[in-house]
PDB file of N, CA and C in Angstrom:
ATOM      1  N   UNK A   1     -26.224 -16.421  23.189  1.00  0.00           N
ATOM      2  CA  UNK A   1     -25.064 -16.035  23.748  1.00  0.00           C
ATOM      3  C   UNK A   1     -24.485 -17.394  24.258  1.00  0.00           C
ATOM      4  N   UNK A   2     -23.014 -17.219  24.186  1.00  0.00           N
ATOM      5  CA  UNK A   2     -22.230 -18.273  24.686  1.00  0.00           C
ATOM      6  C   UNK A   2     -22.250 -18.667  26.071  1.00  0.00           C
ATOM      7  N   UNK A   3     -22.335 -20.005  26.346  1.00  0.00           N
ATOM      8  CA  UNK A   3     -22.371 -20.590  27.786  1.00  0.00           C
ATOM      9  C   UNK A   3     -21.071 -20.717  28.356  1.00  0.00           C
ATOM     10  N   UNK A   4     -20.132 -21.161  27.604  1.00  0.00           N
ATOM     11  CA  UNK A   4     -18.750 -21.689  28.068  1.00  0.00           C
ATOM     12  C   UNK A   4     -17.798 -20.706  28.091  1.00  0.00           C
ATOM     13  N   UNK A   5     -16.970 -20.457  29.181  1.00  0.00           N
ATOM     14  CA  UNK A   5     -16.065 -19.597  29.307  1.00  0.00           C
ATOM     15  C   UNK A   5     -14.914 -19.472  27.892  1.00  0.00           C
ATOM     16  N   UNK A   6     -14.769 -20.912  27.628  1.00  0.00           N
ATOM     17  CA  UNK A   6     -13.625 -20.982  26.383  1.00  0.00           C
ATOM     18  C   UNK A   6     -14.388 -20.218  25.253  1.00  0.00           C
ATOM     19  N   UNK A   7     -15.524 -20.484  25.108  1.00  0.00           N
ATOM     20  CA  UNK A   7     -16.276 -19.865  23.869  1.00  0.00           C
ATOM     21  C   UNK A   7     -16.559 -18.549  23.968  1.00  0.00           C
ATOM     22  N   UNK A   8     -16.566 -17.786  25.179  1.00  0.00           N
ATOM     23  CA  UNK A   8     -16.892 -16.431  25.337  1.00  0.00           C
ATOM     24  C   UNK A   8     -15.683 -15.718  25.026  1.00  0.00           C
ATOM     25  N   UNK A   9     -14.313 -16.552  25.427  1.00  0.00           N
ATOM     26  CA  UNK A   9     -13.068 -15.908  25.250  1.00  0.00           C
ATOM     27  C   UNK A   9     -12.737 -16.055  23.572  1.00  0.00           C
ATOM     28  N   UNK A  10     -13.238 -17.143  23.021  1.00  0.00           N
ATOM     29  CA  UNK A  10     -12.993 -17.407  21.531  1.00  0.00           C
ATOM     30  C   UNK A  10     -13.609 -16.307  20.873  1.00  0.00           C
ATOM     31  N   UNK A  11     -14.763 -15.835  21.484  1.00  0.00           N
ATOM     32  CA  UNK A  11     -15.535 -14.729  20.467  1.00  0.00           C
ATOM     33  C   UNK A  11     -14.724 -13.251  20.764  1.00  0.00           C
ATOM     34  N   UNK A  12     -14.125 -13.259  21.960  1.00  0.00           N
ATOM     35  CA  UNK A  12     -13.687 -11.906  22.111  1.00  0.00           C
ATOM     36  C   UNK A  12     -12.406 -11.984  21.190  1.00  0.00           C
ATOM     37  N   UNK A  13     -11.668 -12.989  21.112  1.00  0.00           N
ATOM     38  CA  UNK A  13     -10.470 -13.149  20.134  1.00  0.00           C
ATOM     39  C   UNK A  13     -10.641 -12.990  18.686  1.00  0.00           C
ATOM     40  N   UNK A  14     -11.942 -13.615  18.498  1.00  0.00           N
ATOM     41  CA  UNK A  14     -12.138 -13.420  17.008  1.00  0.00           C
ATOM     42  C   UNK A  14     -12.509 -12.140  16.743  1.00  0.00           C
ATOM     43  N   UNK A  15     -13.448 -11.350  17.395  1.00  0.00           N
ATOM     44  CA  UNK A  15     -13.595  -9.750  17.342  1.00  0.00           C
ATOM     45  C   UNK A  15     -12.371  -9.012  17.244  1.00  0.00           C
ATOM     46  N   UNK A  16     -11.457  -9.421  17.996  1.00  0.00           N
ATOM     47  CA  UNK A  16     -10.264  -8.416  18.199  1.00  0.00           C
ATOM     48  C   UNK A  16      -9.698  -8.685  16.917  1.00  0.00           C
ATOM     49  N   UNK A  17      -9.139 -10.084  16.453  1.00  0.00           N
ATOM     50  CA  UNK A  17      -8.586 -10.450  15.185  1.00  0.00           C
ATOM     51  C   UNK A  17      -9.290  -9.658  14.031  1.00  0.00           C
ATOM     52  N   UNK A  18     -10.735  -9.728  13.995  1.00  0.00           N
ATOM     53  CA  UNK A  18     -11.377  -9.425  12.852  1.00  0.00           C
ATOM     54  C   UNK A  18     -11.144  -7.957  12.504  1.00  0.00           C
ATOM     55  N   UNK A  19     -11.188  -7.137  13.712  1.00  0.00           N
ATOM     56  CA  UNK A  19     -11.028  -5.720  13.526  1.00  0.00           C
ATOM     57  C   UNK A  19      -9.767  -5.471  13.039  1.00  0.00           C
ATOM     58  N   UNK A  20      -8.528  -6.065  13.582  1.00  0.00           N
ATOM     59  CA  UNK A  20      -7.101  -5.960  13.353  1.00  0.00           C
ATOM     60  C   UNK A  20      -6.969  -6.250  11.686  1.00  0.00           C
ATOM     61  N   UNK A  21      -7.741  -7.399  11.188  1.00  0.00           N
ATOM     62  CA  UNK A  21      -7.512  -7.744   9.819  1.00  0.00           C
ATOM     63  C   UNK A  21      -8.243  -6.794   8.703  1.00  0.00           C
ATOM     64  N   UNK A  22      -9.255  -6.270   9.179  1.00  0.00           N
ATOM     65  CA  UNK A  22     -10.246  -5.263   8.451  1.00  0.00           C
ATOM     66  C   UNK A  22      -9.342  -4.126   8.167  1.00  0.00           C
ATOM     67  N   UNK A  23      -8.512  -3.825   9.502  1.00  0.00           N
ATOM     68  CA  UNK A  23      -7.708  -2.378   9.099  1.00  0.00           C
ATOM     69  C   UNK A  23      -6.712  -2.596   8.245  1.00  0.00           C
ATOM     70  N   UNK A  24      -5.995  -3.867   8.046  1.00  0.00           N
ATOM     71  CA  UNK A  24      -4.980  -4.088   7.151  1.00  0.00           C
ATOM     72  C   UNK A  24      -5.296  -4.232   5.854  1.00  0.00           C
ATOM     73  N   UNK A  25      -6.438  -4.950   5.722  1.00  0.00           N
ATOM     74  CA  UNK A  25      -7.149  -5.236   4.277  1.00  0.00           C
ATOM     75  C   UNK A  25      -7.482  -3.917   3.755  1.00  0.00           C
ATOM     76  N   UNK A  26      -8.110  -2.886   4.481  1.00  0.00           N
ATOM     77  CA  UNK A  26      -8.647  -1.786   4.143  1.00  0.00           C
ATOM     78  C   UNK A  26      -7.228  -0.512   3.817  1.00  0.00           C
ATOM     79  N   UNK A  27      -6.464  -0.960   4.441  1.00  0.00           N
ATOM     80  CA  UNK A  27      -5.232  -0.010   4.275  1.00  0.00           C
ATOM     81  C   UNK A  27      -4.605  -0.436   2.928  1.00  0.00           C
ATOM     82  N   UNK A  28      -4.477  -1.781   2.794  1.00  0.00           N
ATOM     83  CA  UNK A  28      -4.002  -2.156   1.371  1.00  0.00           C
ATOM     84  C   UNK A  28      -4.963  -1.832   0.262  1.00  0.00           C
ATOM     85  N   UNK A  29      -6.291  -1.843   0.289  1.00  0.00           N
ATOM     86  CA  UNK A  29      -7.317  -1.435  -0.706  1.00  0.00           C
ATOM     87  C   UNK A  29      -7.068  -0.207  -0.907  1.00  0.00           C
ATOM     88  N   UNK A  30      -6.713   0.701  -0.036  1.00  0.00           N
ATOM     89  CA  UNK A  30      -6.819   2.162  -0.152  1.00  0.00           C
ATOM     90  C   UNK A  30      -5.386   2.432  -0.994  1.00  0.00           C
ATOM     91  N   UNK A  31      -4.307   1.675  -0.621  1.00  0.00           N
ATOM     92  CA  UNK A  31      -2.927   1.866  -1.285  1.00  0.00           C
ATOM     93  C   UNK A  31      -2.965   1.342  -2.773  1.00  0.00           C
ATOM     94  N   UNK A  32      -3.710   0.352  -3.233  1.00  0.00           N
ATOM     95  CA  UNK A  32      -4.248   0.022  -4.416  1.00  0.00           C
ATOM     96  C   UNK A  32      -4.847   0.940  -5.201  1.00  0.00           C
ATOM     97  N   UNK A  33      -5.828   1.583  -4.600  1.00  0.00           N
ATOM     98  CA  UNK A  33      -6.408   2.479  -5.271  1.00  0.00           C
ATOM     99  C   UNK A  33      -5.891   3.708  -5.642  1.00  0.00           C
ATOM    100  N   UNK A  34      -5.028   4.102  -4.603  1.00  0.00           N
ATOM    101  CA  UNK A  34      -4.000   5.294  -4.720  1.00  0.00           C
ATOM    102  C   UNK A  34      -3.188   5.274  -5.977  1.00  0.00           C
ATOM    103  N   UNK A  35      -2.626   3.848  -6.124  1.00  0.00           N
ATOM    104  CA  UNK A  35      -1.505   3.574  -7.192  1.00  0.00           C
ATOM    105  C   UNK A  35      -2.340   3.533  -8.607  1.00  0.00           C
ATOM    106  N   UNK A  36      -3.606   3.125  -8.473  1.00  0.00           N
ATOM    107  CA  UNK A  36      -4.325   3.096  -9.938  1.00  0.00           C
ATOM    108  C   UNK A  36      -4.832   4.479 -10.199  1.00  0.00           C
ATOM    109  N   UNK A  37      -4.990   5.459  -9.245  1.00  0.00           N
ATOM    110  CA  UNK A  37      -5.287   6.631  -9.839  1.00  0.00           C
ATOM    111  C   UNK A  37      -3.800   7.617  -9.927  1.00  0.00           C
ATOM    112  N   UNK A  38      -2.826   7.057  -9.841  1.00  0.00           N
ATOM    113  CA  UNK A  38      -1.610   7.701 -10.132  1.00  0.00           C
ATOM    114  C   UNK A  38      -1.204   7.756 -11.636  1.00  0.00           C
ATOM    115  N   UNK A  39      -0.952   8.929 -12.145  1.00  0.00           N
ATOM    116  CA  UNK A  39      -0.752   9.073 -13.597  1.00  0.00           C
ATOM    117  C   UNK A  39       0.731   9.243 -13.976  1.00  0.00           C
ATOM    118  N   UNK A  40       1.481   9.541 -12.815  1.00  0.00           N
ATOM    119  CA  UNK A  40       3.194   9.678 -12.997  1.00  0.00           C
ATOM    120  C   UNK A  40       3.598   8.403 -12.885  1.00  0.00           C
ATOM    121  N   UNK A  41       4.483   7.918 -13.846  1.00  0.00           N
ATOM    122  CA  UNK A  41       5.031   6.547 -13.869  1.00  0.00           C
ATOM    123  C   UNK A  41       6.475   6.590 -12.769  1.00  0.00           C
ATOM    124  N   UNK A  42       6.962   7.674 -12.319  1.00  0.00           N
ATOM    125  CA  UNK A  42       8.065   7.543 -11.505  1.00  0.00           C
ATOM    126  C   UNK A  42       7.577   7.336 -10.201  1.00  0.00           C
ATOM    127  N   UNK A  43       6.390   8.089 -10.074  1.00  0.00           N
ATOM    128  CA  UNK A  43       5.662   8.033  -8.384  1.00  0.00           C
ATOM    129  C   UNK A  43       5.231   6.481  -8.383  1.00  0.00           C
ATOM    130  N   UNK A  44       4.635   5.971  -9.441  1.00  0.00           N
ATOM    131  CA  UNK A  44       4.015   4.504  -9.530  1.00  0.00           C
ATOM    132  C   UNK A  44       5.017   3.432  -9.521  1.00  0.00           C
ATOM    133  N   UNK A  45       6.286   3.569  -9.999  1.00  0.00           N
ATOM    134  CA  UNK A  45       7.266   2.768  -9.844  1.00  0.00           C
ATOM    135  C   UNK A  45       7.887   2.555  -8.390  1.00  0.00           C
ATOM    136  N   UNK A  46       7.780   3.790  -7.738  1.00  0.00           N
ATOM    137  CA  UNK A  46       8.270   3.632  -6.392  1.00  0.00           C
ATOM    138  C   UNK A  46       7.222   2.900  -5.355  1.00  0.00           C
ATOM    139  N   UNK A  47       5.735   3.259  -5.785  1.00  0.00           N
ATOM    140  CA  UNK A  47       4.984   2.514  -4.946  1.00  0.00           C
ATOM    141  C   UNK A  47       4.884   1.217  -5.159  1.00  0.00           C
ATOM    142  N   UNK A  48       4.877   0.752  -6.306  1.00  0.00           N
ATOM    143  CA  UNK A  48       4.487  -0.684  -6.771  1.00  0.00           C
ATOM    144  C   UNK A  48       5.132  -1.706  -5.721  1.00  0.00           C
ATOM    145  N   UNK A  49       6.535  -1.493  -5.647  1.00  0.00           N
ATOM    146  CA  UNK A  49       7.132  -2.572  -4.718  1.00  0.00           C
ATOM    147  C   UNK A  49       6.599  -2.599  -3.209  1.00  0.00           C
ATOM    148  N   UNK A  50       6.555  -1.418  -2.733  1.00  0.00           N
ATOM    149  CA  UNK A  50       5.946  -1.310  -1.496  1.00  0.00           C
ATOM    150  C   UNK A  50       4.518  -2.045  -1.444  1.00  0.00           C
ATOM    151  N   UNK A  51       3.736  -1.832  -2.410  1.00  0.00           N
ATOM    152  CA  UNK A  51       2.144  -2.163  -2.307  1.00  0.00           C
ATOM    153  C   UNK A  51       2.315  -3.854  -2.591  1.00  0.00           C
ATOM    154  N   UNK A  52       3.193  -4.322  -3.297  1.00  0.00           N
ATOM    155  CA  UNK A  52       3.430  -5.782  -3.746  1.00  0.00           C
ATOM    156  C   UNK A  52       3.729  -6.529  -2.563  1.00  0.00           C
ATOM    157  N   UNK A  53       4.755  -5.860  -1.620  1.00  0.00           N
ATOM    158  CA  UNK A  53       5.218  -6.416  -0.311  1.00  0.00           C
ATOM    159  C   UNK A  53       3.978  -6.373   0.760  1.00  0.00           C
ATOM    160  N   UNK A  54       3.053  -5.415   0.627  1.00  0.00           N
ATOM    161  CA  UNK A  54       1.931  -5.386   1.426  1.00  0.00           C
ATOM    162  C   UNK A  54       0.871  -6.487   1.288  1.00  0.00           C
ATOM    163  N   UNK A  55       0.728  -6.644  -0.161  1.00  0.00           N
ATOM    164  CA  UNK A  55      -0.258  -7.541  -0.584  1.00  0.00           C
ATOM    165  C   UNK A  55       0.405  -9.012  -0.146  1.00  0.00           C
ATOM    166  N   UNK A  56       1.801  -9.161  -0.261  1.00  0.00           N
ATOM    167  CA  UNK A  56       2.178 -10.541  -0.148  1.00  0.00           C
ATOM    168  C   UNK A  56       2.149 -10.977   1.493  1.00  0.00           C
ATOM    169  N   UNK A  57       2.402  -9.818   2.244  1.00  0.00           N
ATOM    170  CA  UNK A  57       2.326 -10.128   3.751  1.00  0.00           C
ATOM    171  C   UNK A  57       0.904 -10.392   4.257  1.00  0.00           C
ATOM    172  N   UNK A  58      -0.207  -9.732   3.583  1.00  0.00           N
ATOM    173  CA  UNK A  58      -1.570 -10.093   3.753  1.00  0.00           C
ATOM    174  C   UNK A  58      -2.003 -11.187   3.198  1.00  0.00           C
ATOM    175  N   UNK A  59      -1.451 -11.765   2.210  1.00  0.00           N
ATOM    176  CA  UNK A  59      -1.715 -13.121   1.820  1.00  0.00           C
ATOM    177  C   UNK A  59      -0.917 -14.070   2.654  1.00  0.00           C
ATOM    178  N   UNK A  60       0.082 -14.202   3.198  1.00  0.00           N
ATOM    179  CA  UNK A  60       1.059 -14.838   3.989  1.00  0.00           C
ATOM    180  C   UNK A  60       0.221 -14.948   5.206  1.00  0.00           C
ATOM    181  N   UNK A  61      -0.306 -14.037   5.807  1.00  0.00           N
ATOM    182  CA  UNK A  61      -1.202 -14.151   7.148  1.00  0.00           C
ATOM    183  C   UNK A  61      -2.684 -14.288   6.697  1.00  0.00           C
ATOM    184  N   UNK A  62      -3.033 -14.906   5.654  1.00  0.00           N
ATOM    185  CA  UNK A  62      -4.439 -15.339   5.253  1.00  0.00           C
ATOM    186  C   UNK A  62      -5.527 -14.290   5.620  1.00  0.00           C
ATOM    187  N   UNK A  63      -5.156 -13.032   5.357  1.00  0.00           N
ATOM    188  CA  UNK A  63      -5.998 -11.938   5.475  1.00  0.00           C
ATOM    189  C   UNK A  63      -6.768 -11.808   4.276  1.00  0.00           C
ATOM    190  N   UNK A  64      -5.945 -11.913   3.075  1.00  0.00           N
ATOM    191  CA  UNK A  64      -6.532 -12.185   1.908  1.00  0.00           C
ATOM    192  C   UNK A  64      -6.155 -13.473   1.047  1.00  0.00           C
ATOM    193  N   UNK A  65      -6.633 -13.782  -0.036  1.00  0.00           N
ATOM    194  CA  UNK A  65      -6.041 -14.988  -0.600  1.00  0.00           C
ATOM    195  C   UNK A  65      -5.200 -14.956  -1.268  1.00  0.00           C
ATOM    196  N   UNK A  66      -4.092 -15.809  -1.477  1.00  0.00           N
ATOM    197  CA  UNK A  66      -2.999 -15.756  -2.144  1.00  0.00           C
ATOM    198  C   UNK A  66      -3.071 -15.438  -3.711  1.00  0.00           C
ATOM    199  N   UNK A  67      -4.259 -16.049  -4.053  1.00  0.00           N
ATOM    200  CA  UNK A  67      -4.501 -15.643  -5.829  1.00  0.00           C
ATOM    201  C   UNK A  67      -4.932 -14.304  -5.946  1.00  0.00           C
ATOM    202  N   UNK A  68      -5.852 -13.972  -4.965  1.00  0.00           N
ATOM    203  CA  UNK A  68      -6.135 -12.435  -5.187  1.00  0.00           C
ATOM    204  C   UNK A  68      -5.049 -11.525  -5.032  1.00  0.00           C
ATOM    205  N   UNK A  69      -3.971 -11.813  -4.259  1.00  0.00           N
ATOM    206  CA  UNK A  69      -2.690 -10.903  -3.894  1.00  0.00           C
ATOM    207  C   UNK A  69      -2.002 -11.165  -5.278  1.00  0.00           C
ATOM    208  N   UNK A  70      -1.905 -12.258  -6.094  1.00  0.00           N
ATOM    209  CA  UNK A  70      -1.093 -12.374  -7.267  1.00  0.00           C
ATOM    210  C   UNK A  70      -1.986 -11.569  -8.188  1.00  0.00           C
ATOM    211  N   UNK A  71      -3.299 -11.733  -8.307  1.00  0.00           N
ATOM    212  CA  UNK A  71      -3.960 -11.120  -9.613  1.00  0.00           C
ATOM    213  C   UNK A  71      -3.616  -9.728  -9.424  1.00  0.00           C
ATOM    214  N   UNK A  72      -3.650  -8.978  -8.141  1.00  0.00           N
ATOM    215  CA  UNK A  72      -3.761  -7.669  -7.965  1.00  0.00           C
ATOM    216  C   UNK A  72      -2.441  -7.017  -8.208  1.00  0.00           C
ATOM    217  N   UNK A  73      -1.260  -7.704  -7.789  1.00  0.00           N
ATOM    218  CA  UNK A  73      -0.094  -7.569  -8.156  1.00  0.00           C
ATOM    219  C   UNK A  73       0.276  -7.453  -9.597  1.00  0.00           C
ATOM    220  N   UNK A  74      -0.306  -8.418 -10.407  1.00  0.00           N
ATOM    221  CA  UNK A  74      -0.111  -8.534 -11.796  1.00  0.00           C
ATOM    222  C   UNK A  74      -0.800  -7.341 -12.389  1.00  0.00           C
ATOM    223  N   UNK A  75      -2.042  -7.110 -12.165  1.00  0.00           N
ATOM    224  CA  UNK A  75      -2.837  -6.215 -12.484  1.00  0.00           C
ATOM    225  C   UNK A  75      -1.993  -4.696 -12.509  1.00  0.00           C
ATOM    226  N   UNK A  76      -1.599  -4.470 -11.306  1.00  0.00           N
ATOM    227  CA  UNK A  76      -0.837  -3.378 -11.043  1.00  0.00           C
ATOM    228  C   UNK A  76       0.470  -3.153 -11.832  1.00  0.00           C
ATOM    229  N   UNK A  77       1.274  -4.431 -12.164  1.00  0.00           N
ATOM    230  CA  UNK A  77       2.413  -4.045 -12.874  1.00  0.00           C
ATOM    231  C   UNK A  77       2.101  -3.736 -13.955  1.00  0.00           C
ATOM    232  N   UNK A  78       1.082  -4.377 -14.816  1.00  0.00           N
ATOM    233  CA  UNK A  78       0.608  -3.909 -16.143  1.00  0.00           C
ATOM    234  C   UNK A  78       0.314  -2.644 -16.159  1.00  0.00           C
ATOM    235  N   UNK A  79      -0.526  -2.162 -15.338  1.00  0.00           N
ATOM    236  CA  UNK A  79      -0.648  -0.694 -15.427  1.00  0.00           C
ATOM    237  C   UNK A  79       0.357   0.177 -15.169  1.00  0.00           C
ATOM    238  N   UNK A  80       1.308   0.119 -14.312  1.00  0.00           N
ATOM    239  CA  UNK A  80       2.402   0.844 -14.229  1.00  0.00           C
ATOM    240  C   UNK A  80       3.338   0.605 -15.408  1.00  0.00           C
ATOM    241  N   UNK A  81       3.615  -0.504 -16.267  1.00  0.00           N
ATOM    242  CA  UNK A  81       4.175  -0.503 -17.300  1.00  0.00           C
ATOM    243  C   UNK A  81       3.500   0.289 -18.383  1.00  0.00           C
ATOM    244  N   UNK A  82       2.315   0.373 -18.518  1.00  0.00           N
ATOM    245  CA  UNK A  82       1.812   1.143 -19.539  1.00  0.00           C
ATOM    246  C   UNK A  82       1.516   2.589 -19.493  1.00  0.00           C
ATOM    247  N   UNK A  83       2.047   3.048 -18.051  1.00  0.00           N
ATOM    248  CA  UNK A  83       1.911   4.509 -18.279  1.00  0.00           C
ATOM    249  C   UNK A  83       3.366   5.081 -18.795  1.00  0.00           C
ATOM    250  N   UNK A  84       3.223   6.217 -19.432  1.00  0.00           N
ATOM    251  CA  UNK A  84       4.011   6.787 -20.327  1.00  0.00           C
ATOM    252  C   UNK A  84       5.008   7.851 -19.510  1.00  0.00           C
TER     253      UNK A  84
END
């Protein structure tokens, strides 16, 4: 256990931030999963810009790595374009 007041506070802040980040990362993963299971092109094209913006925002805030966001967006765009 930490002995300094500042380190105790830092632990509290880290736990709070970790919970917040985990929520948004999980929400994004679920959105990506939902898009990948969609078979309708019109629905998928509606969802793609929203999910791309979500991934960009997560990358900007360092919740996920910027390259991971780019890779996911690229793969999702390829998937949506392949839908008939």
